[in-house]
Amino acid sequence: MTEKDGNISKRATDPDDVKPELDDAWFEEADAFVGAKLVRRGRPKSDNPKQPVSLRLDRDVVDWFKRGGDGWQTRINDELRKVAGI
């Protein structure tokens, strides 16, 4: 092995070259485990997930619900549940 090959081998195994920088950004992106179980971030999965649909409604109906502010789609859903009796 030449001296040049020895230098390459030494540089490739230098621990400072292969370990990540453990800064705040690295920890923000890291997966969290409790024991062997991966802890999922964010909101837990819903027992009753919403189904995305495309529905054609009269403009004045949509405008009326939108005037109530954020949550207008939820209010439409609530009204449909009342009418359906569920």
C-alpha atoms as a PDB file:
ATOM      1  CA  MET A   1       0.000   0.000   0.000  1.00  0.00           C
ATOM      2  CA  THR A   2       1.357   3.400  -0.931  1.00  0.00           C
ATOM      3  CA  GLU A   3       1.522   6.352   1.383  1.00  0.00           C
ATOM      4  CA  LYS A   4      -1.228   8.000  -0.657  1.00  0.00           C
ATOM      5  CA  ASP A   5      -3.565   5.001  -0.119  1.00  0.00           C
ATOM      6  CA  GLY A   6      -2.864   5.098   3.608  1.00  0.00           C
ATOM      7  CA  ASN A   7      -3.917   8.737   3.826  1.00  0.00           C
ATOM      8  CA  ILE A   8      -7.179   8.041   1.984  1.00  0.00           C
ATOM      9  CA  SER A   9      -7.994   5.150   4.291  1.00  0.00           C
ATOM     10  CA  LYS A  10      -7.251   7.214   7.387  1.00  0.00           C
ATOM     11  CA  ARG A  11      -9.419  10.112   6.207  1.00  0.00           C
ATOM     12  CA  ALA A  12     -12.332   7.815   5.321  1.00  0.00           C
ATOM     13  CA  THR A  13     -12.429   6.312   8.798  1.00  0.00           C
ATOM     14  CA  ASP A  14     -11.974   9.538  10.732  1.00  0.00           C
ATOM     15  CA  PRO A  15     -14.992   9.629  13.120  1.00  0.00           C
ATOM     16  CA  ASP A  16     -15.341  13.387  12.694  1.00  0.00           C
ATOM     17  CA  ASP A  17     -16.085  12.812   8.989  1.00  0.00           C
ATOM     18  CA  VAL A  18     -18.964  10.367   9.515  1.00  0.00           C
ATOM     19  CA  LYS A  19     -20.876  11.607  12.568  1.00  0.00           C
ATOM     20  CA  PRO A  20     -23.551  14.287  12.118  1.00  0.00           C
ATOM     21  CA  GLU A  21     -23.420  17.674  13.778  1.00  0.00           C
ATOM     22  CA  LEU A  22     -25.759  17.281  16.771  1.00  0.00           C
ATOM     23  CA  ASP A  23     -27.260  20.748  16.768  1.00  0.00           C
ATOM     24  CA  ASP A  24     -30.834  21.891  17.480  1.00  0.00           C
ATOM     25  CA  ALA A  25     -31.846  21.452  13.825  1.00  0.00           C
ATOM     26  CA  TRP A  26     -30.713  17.806  13.849  1.00  0.00           C
ATOM     27  CA  PHE A  27     -32.768  17.043  16.965  1.00  0.00           C
ATOM     28  CA  GLU A  28     -35.842  18.792  15.491  1.00  0.00           C
ATOM     29  CA  GLU A  29     -35.757  16.372  12.534  1.00  0.00           C
ATOM     30  CA  ALA A  30     -34.879  13.244  14.541  1.00  0.00           C
ATOM     31  CA  ASP A  31     -37.420  10.466  15.135  1.00  0.00           C
ATOM     32  CA  ALA A  32     -38.491  10.075  18.758  1.00  0.00           C
ATOM     33  CA  PHE A  33     -38.725   6.623  20.327  1.00  0.00           C
ATOM     34  CA  VAL A  34     -40.157   5.403  23.614  1.00  0.00           C
ATOM     35  CA  GLY A  35     -38.469   2.055  24.080  1.00  0.00           C
ATOM     36  CA  ALA A  36     -38.654   0.417  20.658  1.00  0.00           C
ATOM     37  CA  LYS A  37     -41.858   2.257  19.621  1.00  0.00           C
ATOM     38  CA  LEU A  38     -41.697   5.219  17.253  1.00  0.00           C
ATOM     39  CA  VAL A  39     -43.614   8.190  18.651  1.00  0.00           C
ATOM     40  CA  ARG A  40     -45.595   9.918  15.896  1.00  0.00           C
ATOM     41  CA  ARG A  41     -45.637  13.690  15.855  1.00  0.00           C
ATOM     42  CA  GLY A  42     -48.645  15.872  15.277  1.00  0.00           C
ATOM     43  CA  ARG A  43     -52.308  15.264  15.782  1.00  0.00           C
ATOM     44  CA  PRO A  44     -53.308  11.669  16.535  1.00  0.00           C
ATOM     45  CA  LYS A  45     -55.214   9.730  13.865  1.00  0.00           C
ATOM     46  CA  SER A  46     -58.957  10.325  14.013  1.00  0.00           C
ATOM     47  CA  ASP A  47     -61.322   7.460  14.838  1.00  0.00           C
ATOM     48  CA  ASN A  48     -63.729   8.968  12.313  1.00  0.00           C
ATOM     49  CA  PRO A  49     -61.622  10.581   9.535  1.00  0.00           C
ATOM     50  CA  LYS A  50     -63.266  13.001   7.121  1.00  0.00           C
ATOM     51  CA  GLN A  51     -63.892  11.935   3.528  1.00  0.00           C
ATOM     52  CA  PRO A  52     -62.885  14.555   0.936  1.00  0.00           C
ATOM     53  CA  VAL A  53     -65.692  15.101  -1.591  1.00  0.00           C
ATOM     54  CA  SER A  54     -66.538  17.489  -4.369  1.00  0.00           C
ATOM     55  CA  LEU A  55     -70.003  18.958  -3.889  1.00  0.00           C
ATOM     56  CA  ARG A  56     -71.755  21.600  -5.967  1.00  0.00           C
ATOM     57  CA  LEU A  57     -73.653  24.079  -3.794  1.00  0.00           C
ATOM     58  CA  ASP A  58     -75.463  27.300  -4.618  1.00  0.00           C
ATOM     59  CA  ARG A  59     -73.205  30.336  -4.317  1.00  0.00           C
ATOM     60  CA  ASP A  60     -75.482  32.073  -1.797  1.00  0.00           C
ATOM     61  CA  VAL A  61     -75.406  29.010   0.475  1.00  0.00           C
ATOM     62  CA  VAL A  62     -71.592  28.901   0.441  1.00  0.00           C
ATOM     63  CA  ASP A  63     -71.391  32.679   0.942  1.00  0.00           C
ATOM     64  CA  TRP A  64     -73.735  32.456   3.943  1.00  0.00           C
ATOM     65  CA  PHE A  65     -71.571  29.821   5.659  1.00  0.00           C
ATOM     66  CA  LYS A  66     -68.320  31.627   4.761  1.00  0.00           C
ATOM     67  CA  ARG A  67     -69.615  34.835   6.353  1.00  0.00           C
ATOM     68  CA  GLY A  68     -69.501  32.936   9.646  1.00  0.00           C
ATOM     69  CA  GLY A  69     -65.696  32.800   9.356  1.00  0.00           C
ATOM     70  CA  ASP A  70     -63.310  29.891   9.746  1.00  0.00           C
ATOM     71  CA  GLY A  71     -64.887  26.493  10.202  1.00  0.00           C
ATOM     72  CA  TRP A  72     -67.558  27.046   7.545  1.00  0.00           C
ATOM     73  CA  GLN A  73     -67.058  23.556   6.099  1.00  0.00           C
ATOM     74  CA  THR A  74     -67.467  22.039   9.564  1.00  0.00           C
ATOM     75  CA  ARG A  75     -70.692  24.012  10.034  1.00  0.00           C
ATOM     76  CA  ILE A  76     -72.012  22.657   6.718  1.00  0.00           C
ATOM     77  CA  ASN A  77     -71.130  19.155   7.907  1.00  0.00           C
ATOM     78  CA  ASP A  78     -72.928  19.756  11.225  1.00  0.00           C
ATOM     79  CA  GLU A  79     -76.074  20.977   9.436  1.00  0.00           C
ATOM     80  CA  LEU A  80     -76.046  17.972   7.089  1.00  0.00           C
ATOM     81  CA  ARG A  81     -75.791  15.642  10.101  1.00  0.00           C
ATOM     82  CA  LYS A  82     -78.809  17.341  11.720  1.00  0.00           C
ATOM     83  CA  VAL A  83     -80.908  17.024   8.560  1.00  0.00           C
ATOM     84  CA  ALA A  84     -79.860  13.375   8.102  1.00  0.00           C
ATOM     85  CA  GLY A  85     -80.633  12.652  11.766  1.00  0.00           C
ATOM     86  CA  ILE A  86     -77.177  11.276  12.550  1.00  0.00           C
END
